[in-house]
Protein backbone atom coordinates (compact mmCIF):
# COMPACT_ATOMS: atom_id res chain seq x y z
CA MET A 1 0.00 0.00 0.00
CA PRO A 2 1.49 3.40 -0.99
CA PRO A 3 2.04 6.02 1.73
CA THR A 4 -0.83 8.43 2.25
CA MET A 5 -1.19 12.07 3.26
CA ARG A 6 -3.92 14.52 4.13
CA ALA A 7 -5.33 16.75 1.38
CA VAL A 8 -8.33 19.00 0.98
CA ASP A 9 -10.94 17.21 -1.11
CA VAL A 10 -14.45 18.03 -2.35
CA ARG A 11 -17.36 15.68 -1.69
CA ASP A 12 -18.83 14.44 -4.98
CA GLY A 13 -16.01 16.15 -6.92
CA ALA A 14 -17.47 19.66 -6.95
CA GLY A 15 -19.59 21.88 -4.77
CA PRO A 16 -19.73 24.79 -2.33
CA ALA A 17 -17.21 25.44 0.44
CA SER A 18 -19.30 23.27 2.77
CA SER A 19 -18.36 20.28 0.55
CA LEU A 20 -14.67 20.55 1.49
CA PHE A 21 -13.18 17.93 3.79
CA ILE A 22 -9.77 16.55 4.78
CA ASN A 23 -9.11 13.29 2.95
CA ASP A 24 -6.45 11.44 4.96
CA ALA A 25 -6.25 8.59 2.46
CA THR A 26 -4.75 10.61 -0.42
CA PRO A 27 -1.67 8.91 -1.90
CA VAL A 28 1.62 10.80 -1.56
CA PRO A 29 2.70 11.72 -5.10
CA THR A 30 5.58 9.86 -6.72
CA VAL A 31 8.34 12.21 -7.87
CA GLN A 32 8.46 12.39 -11.66
CA PRO A 33 11.43 13.41 -13.85
CA GLY A 34 12.23 17.11 -13.50
CA GLU A 35 10.28 17.41 -10.25
CA VAL A 36 10.89 17.49 -6.51
CA LEU A 37 8.54 16.47 -3.69
CA VAL A 38 7.75 19.38 -1.38
CA ARG A 39 6.29 19.20 2.14
CA VAL A 40 3.74 22.02 1.99
CA LYS A 41 3.82 24.56 4.83
CA ALA A 42 1.33 27.11 3.41
CA PHE A 43 -0.73 27.73 0.29
CA GLY A 44 -2.69 30.57 -1.26
CA ILE A 45 -6.41 30.53 -1.94
CA ASN A 46 -7.23 31.86 -5.40
CA ARG A 47 -10.07 32.44 -7.80
CA GLY A 48 -8.86 29.41 -9.80
CA ASP A 49 -9.15 27.20 -6.72
CA ILE A 50 -12.73 28.32 -6.13
CA LEU A 51 -13.57 27.69 -9.79
CA GLN A 52 -12.02 24.21 -9.54
CA ARG A 53 -13.95 23.49 -6.34
CA ASP A 54 -17.15 24.48 -8.14
CA GLY A 55 -16.30 22.22 -11.11
CA LYS A 56 -15.80 25.19 -13.46
CA TYR A 57 -12.04 25.04 -14.08
CA PRO A 58 -11.59 22.23 -16.60
CA GLY A 59 -8.06 23.27 -17.62
CA ILE A 60 -6.39 21.38 -14.76
CA ALA A 61 -8.98 18.77 -13.81
CA HIS A 62 -7.09 16.09 -15.76
CA LEU A 63 -3.88 16.80 -13.79
CA THR A 64 -5.14 16.57 -10.20
CA LYS A 65 -8.39 16.86 -8.30
CA ILE A 66 -6.54 18.57 -5.43
CA MET A 67 -6.84 22.35 -5.52
CA GLY A 68 -3.97 24.74 -4.93
CA LEU A 69 -2.09 26.78 -7.52
CA GLU A 70 0.59 28.22 -5.24
CA PHE A 71 2.47 26.98 -2.19
CA SER A 72 5.46 27.31 0.09
CA GLY A 73 7.31 24.50 1.80
CA VAL A 74 10.45 22.43 2.17
CA ILE A 75 11.91 20.05 -0.40
CA SER A 76 11.56 16.58 1.10
CA GLN A 77 12.64 14.34 -1.80
CA LEU A 78 14.54 14.44 -5.08
CA ARG A 79 14.53 11.72 -7.71
CA GLU A 80 17.28 9.22 -7.01
CA ASP A 81 18.23 9.07 -10.71
CA GLU A 82 18.68 12.86 -11.07
CA PRO A 83 21.62 14.86 -9.75
CA GLU A 84 20.99 17.20 -6.82
CA GLY A 85 22.03 20.30 -8.81
CA GLU A 86 20.53 23.62 -7.76
CA TRP A 87 17.98 22.10 -5.34
CA LYS A 88 18.63 20.01 -2.23
CA VAL A 89 16.48 18.24 0.35
CA GLY A 90 15.72 20.78 3.09
CA ASP A 91 15.66 23.83 0.80
CA GLU A 92 12.83 26.25 1.62
CA VAL A 93 10.92 27.11 -1.55
CA PHE A 94 7.74 28.59 -2.96
CA GLY A 95 6.17 28.76 -6.40
CA LEU A 96 3.32 27.99 -8.74
CA LEU A 97 1.61 24.68 -9.49
CA TYR A 98 -0.84 23.14 -11.89
CA GLY A 99 -2.92 22.16 -8.86
CA GLY A 100 -2.23 20.04 -5.80
CA GLY A 101 -1.12 22.62 -3.22
CA TYR A 102 -3.92 21.91 -0.71
CA ALA A 103 -2.08 18.85 0.54
CA GLU A 104 0.74 17.81 2.84
CA TYR A 105 2.99 16.96 -0.14
CA VAL A 106 3.07 18.06 -3.76
CA ASN A 107 5.25 17.37 -6.78
CA VAL A 108 6.66 20.58 -8.23
CA SER A 109 8.57 21.14 -11.45
CA LYS A 110 12.06 22.38 -10.64
CA ARG A 111 11.45 25.21 -13.14
CA MET A 112 8.54 26.50 -11.03
CA LEU A 113 10.51 26.77 -7.77
CA ILE A 114 11.72 29.99 -6.15
CA ARG A 115 14.06 29.98 -3.17
CA LYS A 116 12.21 31.33 -0.10
CA PRO A 117 13.90 34.42 1.34
CA LYS A 118 14.74 33.96 5.04
CA GLU A 119 13.08 37.26 5.92
CA LEU A 120 9.68 36.10 4.62
CA SER A 121 7.48 33.52 6.34
CA PHE A 122 6.00 30.43 4.74
CA GLU A 123 2.58 32.10 5.03
CA GLU A 124 3.78 35.18 3.14
CA THR A 125 5.46 33.22 0.36
CA GLY A 126 2.64 30.68 0.16
CA GLY A 127 0.40 33.35 -1.38
CA ILE A 128 2.84 35.69 -3.05
CA CYS A 129 2.74 34.37 -6.64
CA GLU A 130 -1.00 34.53 -7.33
CA VAL A 131 -2.64 36.18 -4.35
CA SER A 132 0.10 38.85 -4.12
CA TYR A 133 0.84 39.50 -0.49
CA ASN A 134 0.36 43.15 0.59
CA THR A 135 1.82 44.56 3.82
CA THR A 136 -0.20 47.81 3.81
């Protein structure tokens, strides 16, 4: 049996916010070529996520049913057959996704990663790409 994680899911695949629940039987993603596995610390909530929840965002439905277009977290796994290169296990990162950020772990393309500045929190960087954090 593959390892599982918790992820936000939607009862019956689509519906209002009251349909959201924590699915603790979601499989942990397997790292694909060109990707890293990130332990999510924070994520942004966007218009695209709401559209996906409502079943009105077909562009990413074939990729994952888990919402979440932006995240911050810590790299927890690299592919064994790819060199470490620029990214290492333990690096703090944030970036954009094609869905999947509302979970404990997510696969992220190395090209979509940004190194998290030490002076910013995971919460700040988890919503900076799409939501655009504002300090005023």
